[in-house]
Amino acid sequence: MNGDFHPNLKLRATKESWMQLDGSTTIDAPRERVWAFLTDPHQVSKCAPGLESMEVVEEDKKFQAVVSLGFGSMKARFSADVEWVELQEPERATMKGHGTAPGSTADVTSTMTLSEVNGGTQLAWTADVSIQGTIASLASRLMGSMTQRLTGEFFNCVKKHVEE
């Protein structure tokens, strides 16, 4: 279908770093297969950059993850609680996550919408990300490019696994 995934980024940096991200890509697979992969934490964990561990707390609802990310010369290790707040199979899902690292916090709300297109699936997504604390103040200039790179890696990996 189409090539590498490239997200759109809107970034507003303040004392707390806040980003709005959105993007879309076409995956050469049925919508049900894409849905099954993207709503299964065990499957998604194969593609999550920096993921050290993931544990399901409540099936189809809550999970916890530990993620290490580098911000230039600084590395942060986040412990995160993630929860599905909406699951409308196989069309739309929304998740919220809250993570902490020493001296920093991150909050994310992300929604994905899946639609059938030309025998494949169109995946459109949005994310609102807020980062506060040490990481926001030290790495705010790097977050846009880093987020774009990590998001691209994630969705390219998803396409690879789902299109197999």
C-alpha atoms as a PDB file:
ATOM      1  CA  MET A   1       0.000   0.000   0.000  1.00  0.00           C
ATOM      2  CA  ASN A   2       1.917   3.140   1.036  1.00  0.00           C
ATOM      3  CA  GLY A   3       5.475   3.557   2.326  1.00  0.00           C
ATOM      4  CA  ASP A   4       6.892   4.497   5.683  1.00  0.00           C
ATOM      5  CA  PHE A   5       4.676   6.168   8.223  1.00  0.00           C
ATOM      6  CA  HIS A   6       5.267   9.858   8.884  1.00  0.00           C
ATOM      7  CA  PRO A   7       3.177  11.550  11.607  1.00  0.00           C
ATOM      8  CA  ASN A   8       2.060  15.153  11.643  1.00  0.00           C
ATOM      9  CA  LEU A   9       3.254  17.022  14.713  1.00  0.00           C
ATOM     10  CA  LYS A  10       1.931  20.108  16.413  1.00  0.00           C
ATOM     11  CA  LEU A  11       4.159  21.133  19.285  1.00  0.00           C
ATOM     12  CA  ARG A  12       3.654  23.898  21.799  1.00  0.00           C
ATOM     13  CA  ALA A  13       6.424  24.122  24.352  1.00  0.00           C
ATOM     14  CA  THR A  14       5.776  25.863  27.659  1.00  0.00           C
ATOM     15  CA  LYS A  15       7.093  25.219  31.162  1.00  0.00           C
ATOM     16  CA  GLU A  16       5.292  21.926  30.773  1.00  0.00           C
ATOM     17  CA  SER A  17       5.814  20.429  27.325  1.00  0.00           C
ATOM     18  CA  TRP A  18       2.569  19.742  25.551  1.00  0.00           C
ATOM     19  CA  MET A  19       2.198  18.142  22.155  1.00  0.00           C
ATOM     20  CA  GLN A  20      -0.654  17.274  19.872  1.00  0.00           C
ATOM     21  CA  LEU A  21       0.179  14.557  17.403  1.00  0.00           C
ATOM     22  CA  ASP A  22      -1.825  12.979  14.641  1.00  0.00           C
ATOM     23  CA  GLY A  23      -1.222  10.787  11.673  1.00  0.00           C
ATOM     24  CA  SER A  24      -2.593   8.128   9.413  1.00  0.00           C
ATOM     25  CA  THR A  25      -1.345   5.183   7.452  1.00  0.00           C
ATOM     26  CA  THR A  26      -2.795   2.405   5.332  1.00  0.00           C
ATOM     27  CA  ILE A  27      -2.121  -1.159   6.420  1.00  0.00           C
ATOM     28  CA  ASP A  28      -2.484  -3.973   3.893  1.00  0.00           C
ATOM     29  CA  ALA A  29      -4.568  -6.202   6.166  1.00  0.00           C
ATOM     30  CA  PRO A  30      -8.233  -6.609   7.148  1.00  0.00           C
ATOM     31  CA  ARG A  31      -9.512  -4.184   9.774  1.00  0.00           C
ATOM     32  CA  GLU A  32     -10.236  -7.021  12.249  1.00  0.00           C
ATOM     33  CA  ARG A  33      -6.571  -8.146  12.123  1.00  0.00           C
ATOM     34  CA  VAL A  34      -5.318  -4.570  12.641  1.00  0.00           C
ATOM     35  CA  TRP A  35      -7.754  -4.110  15.543  1.00  0.00           C
ATOM     36  CA  ALA A  36      -6.715  -7.394  17.181  1.00  0.00           C
ATOM     37  CA  PHE A  37      -3.025  -6.436  17.015  1.00  0.00           C
ATOM     38  CA  LEU A  38      -3.402  -2.839  18.209  1.00  0.00           C
ATOM     39  CA  THR A  39      -5.681  -3.655  21.149  1.00  0.00           C
ATOM     40  CA  ASP A  40      -3.557  -6.542  22.440  1.00  0.00           C
ATOM     41  CA  PRO A  41      -0.836  -5.220  24.777  1.00  0.00           C
ATOM     42  CA  HIS A  42       1.258  -8.368  24.223  1.00  0.00           C
ATOM     43  CA  GLN A  43       1.272  -7.801  20.453  1.00  0.00           C
ATOM     44  CA  VAL A  44       1.787  -4.026  20.629  1.00  0.00           C
ATOM     45  CA  SER A  45       4.682  -4.524  23.041  1.00  0.00           C
ATOM     46  CA  LYS A  46       6.641  -6.051  20.138  1.00  0.00           C
ATOM     47  CA  CYS A  47       6.692  -2.589  18.531  1.00  0.00           C
ATOM     48  CA  ALA A  48       6.878  -0.175  21.475  1.00  0.00           C
ATOM     49  CA  PRO A  49      10.250   1.637  21.396  1.00  0.00           C
ATOM     50  CA  GLY A  50      12.121   1.441  24.686  1.00  0.00           C
ATOM     51  CA  LEU A  51       9.694  -0.999  26.318  1.00  0.00           C
ATOM     52  CA  GLU A  52      11.392  -2.913  29.133  1.00  0.00           C
ATOM     53  CA  SER A  53       8.368  -4.714  30.570  1.00  0.00           C
ATOM     54  CA  MET A  54       4.594  -4.908  30.289  1.00  0.00           C
ATOM     55  CA  GLU A  55       2.040  -6.525  32.588  1.00  0.00           C
ATOM     56  CA  VAL A  56      -1.710  -6.879  32.043  1.00  0.00           C
ATOM     57  CA  VAL A  57      -3.507  -5.753  35.214  1.00  0.00           C
ATOM     58  CA  GLU A  58      -7.073  -6.238  33.976  1.00  0.00           C
ATOM     59  CA  GLU A  59      -7.726  -8.066  30.686  1.00  0.00           C
ATOM     60  CA  ASP A  60      -8.976  -5.765  27.898  1.00  0.00           C
ATOM     61  CA  LYS A  61      -8.828  -2.792  30.277  1.00  0.00           C
ATOM     62  CA  LYS A  62      -5.603  -1.939  32.152  1.00  0.00           C
ATOM     63  CA  PHE A  63      -1.911  -2.652  31.890  1.00  0.00           C
ATOM     64  CA  GLN A  64       1.364  -1.362  33.285  1.00  0.00           C
ATOM     65  CA  ALA A  65       4.591  -0.764  31.410  1.00  0.00           C
ATOM     66  CA  VAL A  66       8.153   0.324  32.043  1.00  0.00           C
ATOM     67  CA  VAL A  67       9.746   2.300  29.211  1.00  0.00           C
ATOM     68  CA  SER A  68      13.240   3.810  28.865  1.00  0.00           C
ATOM     69  CA  LEU A  69      13.658   6.706  26.459  1.00  0.00           C
ATOM     70  CA  GLY A  70      16.639   8.851  25.607  1.00  0.00           C
ATOM     71  CA  PHE A  71      16.268  12.623  25.298  1.00  0.00           C
ATOM     72  CA  GLY A  72      19.596  13.687  23.833  1.00  0.00           C
ATOM     73  CA  SER A  73      22.200  12.883  26.478  1.00  0.00           C
ATOM     74  CA  MET A  74      19.497  12.322  29.097  1.00  0.00           C
ATOM     75  CA  LYS A  75      17.742   8.970  29.602  1.00  0.00           C
ATOM     76  CA  ALA A  76      14.470   8.567  31.476  1.00  0.00           C
ATOM     77  CA  ARG A  77      12.812   5.413  32.736  1.00  0.00           C
ATOM     78  CA  PHE A  78       9.042   5.779  33.006  1.00  0.00           C
ATOM     79  CA  SER A  79       6.658   3.520  34.912  1.00  0.00           C
ATOM     80  CA  ALA A  80       3.254   3.883  33.294  1.00  0.00           C
ATOM     81  CA  ASP A  81      -0.336   2.889  33.968  1.00  0.00           C
ATOM     82  CA  VAL A  82      -2.406   2.583  30.782  1.00  0.00           C
ATOM     83  CA  GLU A  83      -6.160   2.077  30.477  1.00  0.00           C
ATOM     84  CA  TRP A  84      -8.537   1.589  27.581  1.00  0.00           C
ATOM     85  CA  VAL A  85     -11.336   4.109  28.163  1.00  0.00           C
ATOM     86  CA  GLU A  86     -13.233   3.305  24.952  1.00  0.00           C
ATOM     87  CA  LEU A  87     -13.291   0.185  22.780  1.00  0.00           C
ATOM     88  CA  GLN A  88     -15.740   0.157  19.839  1.00  0.00           C
ATOM     89  CA  GLU A  89     -14.570  -2.938  17.963  1.00  0.00           C
ATOM     90  CA  PRO A  90     -13.320  -2.784  15.202  1.00  0.00           C
ATOM     91  CA  GLU A  91     -13.655   0.957  14.588  1.00  0.00           C
ATOM     92  CA  ARG A  92     -12.414   3.151  17.426  1.00  0.00           C
ATOM     93  CA  ALA A  93     -10.384   2.924  20.617  1.00  0.00           C
ATOM     94  CA  THR A  94      -9.195   5.501  23.140  1.00  0.00           C
ATOM     95  CA  MET A  95      -6.564   4.960  25.805  1.00  0.00           C
ATOM     96  CA  LYS A  96      -5.183   7.094  28.601  1.00  0.00           C
ATOM     97  CA  GLY A  97      -1.791   6.681  30.184  1.00  0.00           C
ATOM     98  CA  HIS A  98       0.033   8.247  33.101  1.00  0.00           C
ATOM     99  CA  GLY A  99       3.745   7.715  33.611  1.00  0.00           C
ATOM    100  CA  THR A 100       6.301   8.823  36.153  1.00  0.00           C
ATOM    101  CA  ALA A 101      10.066   9.082  36.049  1.00  0.00           C
ATOM    102  CA  PRO A 102      12.296  10.630  38.710  1.00  0.00           C
ATOM    103  CA  GLY A 103      11.337  14.321  38.762  1.00  0.00           C
ATOM    104  CA  SER A 104       8.942  14.057  35.803  1.00  0.00           C
ATOM    105  CA  THR A 105       5.443  12.973  34.796  1.00  0.00           C
ATOM    106  CA  ALA A 106       3.793  12.261  31.459  1.00  0.00           C
ATOM    107  CA  ASP A 107       0.122  12.037  30.535  1.00  0.00           C
ATOM    108  CA  VAL A 108      -1.168  10.768  27.201  1.00  0.00           C
ATOM    109  CA  THR A 109      -4.627  10.414  25.686  1.00  0.00           C
ATOM    110  CA  SER A 110      -4.676   8.695  22.317  1.00  0.00           C
ATOM    111  CA  THR A 111      -7.484   7.689  19.956  1.00  0.00           C
ATOM    112  CA  MET A 112      -7.307   5.473  16.891  1.00  0.00           C
ATOM    113  CA  THR A 113      -9.940   5.054  14.210  1.00  0.00           C
ATOM    114  CA  LEU A 114      -9.888   2.146  11.751  1.00  0.00           C
ATOM    115  CA  SER A 115     -11.775   2.154   8.464  1.00  0.00           C
ATOM    116  CA  GLU A 116     -11.829  -0.233   5.527  1.00  0.00           C
ATOM    117  CA  VAL A 117     -10.171   1.049   2.350  1.00  0.00           C
ATOM    118  CA  ASN A 118      -9.251  -0.800  -0.886  1.00  0.00           C
ATOM    119  CA  GLY A 119      -9.034  -4.212   0.804  1.00  0.00           C
ATOM    120  CA  GLY A 120      -6.894  -2.848   3.622  1.00  0.00           C
ATOM    121  CA  THR A 121      -7.293  -0.667   6.672  1.00  0.00           C
ATOM    122  CA  GLN A 122      -6.870   3.076   7.076  1.00  0.00           C
ATOM    123  CA  LEU A 123      -5.533   3.837  10.556  1.00  0.00           C
ATOM    124  CA  ALA A 124      -5.979   7.419  11.750  1.00  0.00           C
ATOM    125  CA  TRP A 125      -4.825   8.433  15.215  1.00  0.00           C
ATOM    126  CA  THR A 126      -4.435  11.412  17.510  1.00  0.00           C
ATOM    127  CA  ALA A 127      -2.523  11.862  20.748  1.00  0.00           C
ATOM    128  CA  ASP A 128      -2.373  14.624  23.320  1.00  0.00           C
ATOM    129  CA  VAL A 129       0.840  14.399  25.334  1.00  0.00           C
ATOM    130  CA  SER A 130       1.795  16.448  28.377  1.00  0.00           C
ATOM    131  CA  ILE A 131       5.225  16.137  30.010  1.00  0.00           C
ATOM    132  CA  GLN A 132       6.143  18.004  33.183  1.00  0.00           C
ATOM    133  CA  GLY A 133       9.253  18.271  35.295  1.00  0.00           C
ATOM    134  CA  THR A 134      12.927  17.780  34.637  1.00  0.00           C
ATOM    135  CA  ILE A 135      12.515  16.114  31.254  1.00  0.00           C
ATOM    136  CA  ALA A 136      10.231  18.877  29.971  1.00  0.00           C
ATOM    137  CA  SER A 137      12.637  21.607  31.002  1.00  0.00           C
ATOM    138  CA  LEU A 138      15.807  19.880  29.757  1.00  0.00           C
ATOM    139  CA  ALA A 139      14.635  18.194  26.596  1.00  0.00           C
ATOM    140  CA  SER A 140      11.802  20.325  25.214  1.00  0.00           C
ATOM    141  CA  ARG A 141      13.764  21.200  22.056  1.00  0.00           C
ATOM    142  CA  LEU A 142      14.338  17.517  21.266  1.00  0.00           C
ATOM    143  CA  MET A 143      10.830  16.208  21.885  1.00  0.00           C
ATOM    144  CA  GLY A 144       9.339  17.011  18.484  1.00  0.00           C
ATOM    145  CA  SER A 145      11.973  15.214  16.426  1.00  0.00           C
ATOM    146  CA  MET A 146      12.290  12.375  18.942  1.00  0.00           C
ATOM    147  CA  THR A 147       8.528  11.859  19.053  1.00  0.00           C
ATOM    148  CA  GLN A 148       8.329  11.834  15.266  1.00  0.00           C
ATOM    149  CA  ARG A 149      11.119   9.237  15.032  1.00  0.00           C
ATOM    150  CA  LEU A 150       9.638   6.952  17.725  1.00  0.00           C
ATOM    151  CA  THR A 151       6.117   7.194  16.303  1.00  0.00           C
ATOM    152  CA  GLY A 152       7.404   6.332  12.839  1.00  0.00           C
ATOM    153  CA  GLU A 153       9.334   3.328  14.216  1.00  0.00           C
ATOM    154  CA  PHE A 154       6.243   2.116  16.071  1.00  0.00           C
ATOM    155  CA  PHE A 155       3.811   2.295  13.150  1.00  0.00           C
ATOM    156  CA  ASN A 156       6.303   0.866  10.646  1.00  0.00           C
ATOM    157  CA  CYS A 157       6.773  -2.096  13.006  1.00  0.00           C
ATOM    158  CA  VAL A 158       2.995  -2.507  13.384  1.00  0.00           C
ATOM    159  CA  LYS A 159       2.602  -2.585   9.601  1.00  0.00           C
ATOM    160  CA  LYS A 160       5.354  -5.185   9.302  1.00  0.00           C
ATOM    161  CA  HIS A 161       3.765  -7.504  11.897  1.00  0.00           C
ATOM    162  CA  VAL A 162       0.167  -7.094  10.772  1.00  0.00           C
ATOM    163  CA  GLU A 163       0.873  -7.376   7.024  1.00  0.00           C
ATOM    164  CA  GLU A 164       2.828 -10.658   7.410  1.00  0.00           C
END
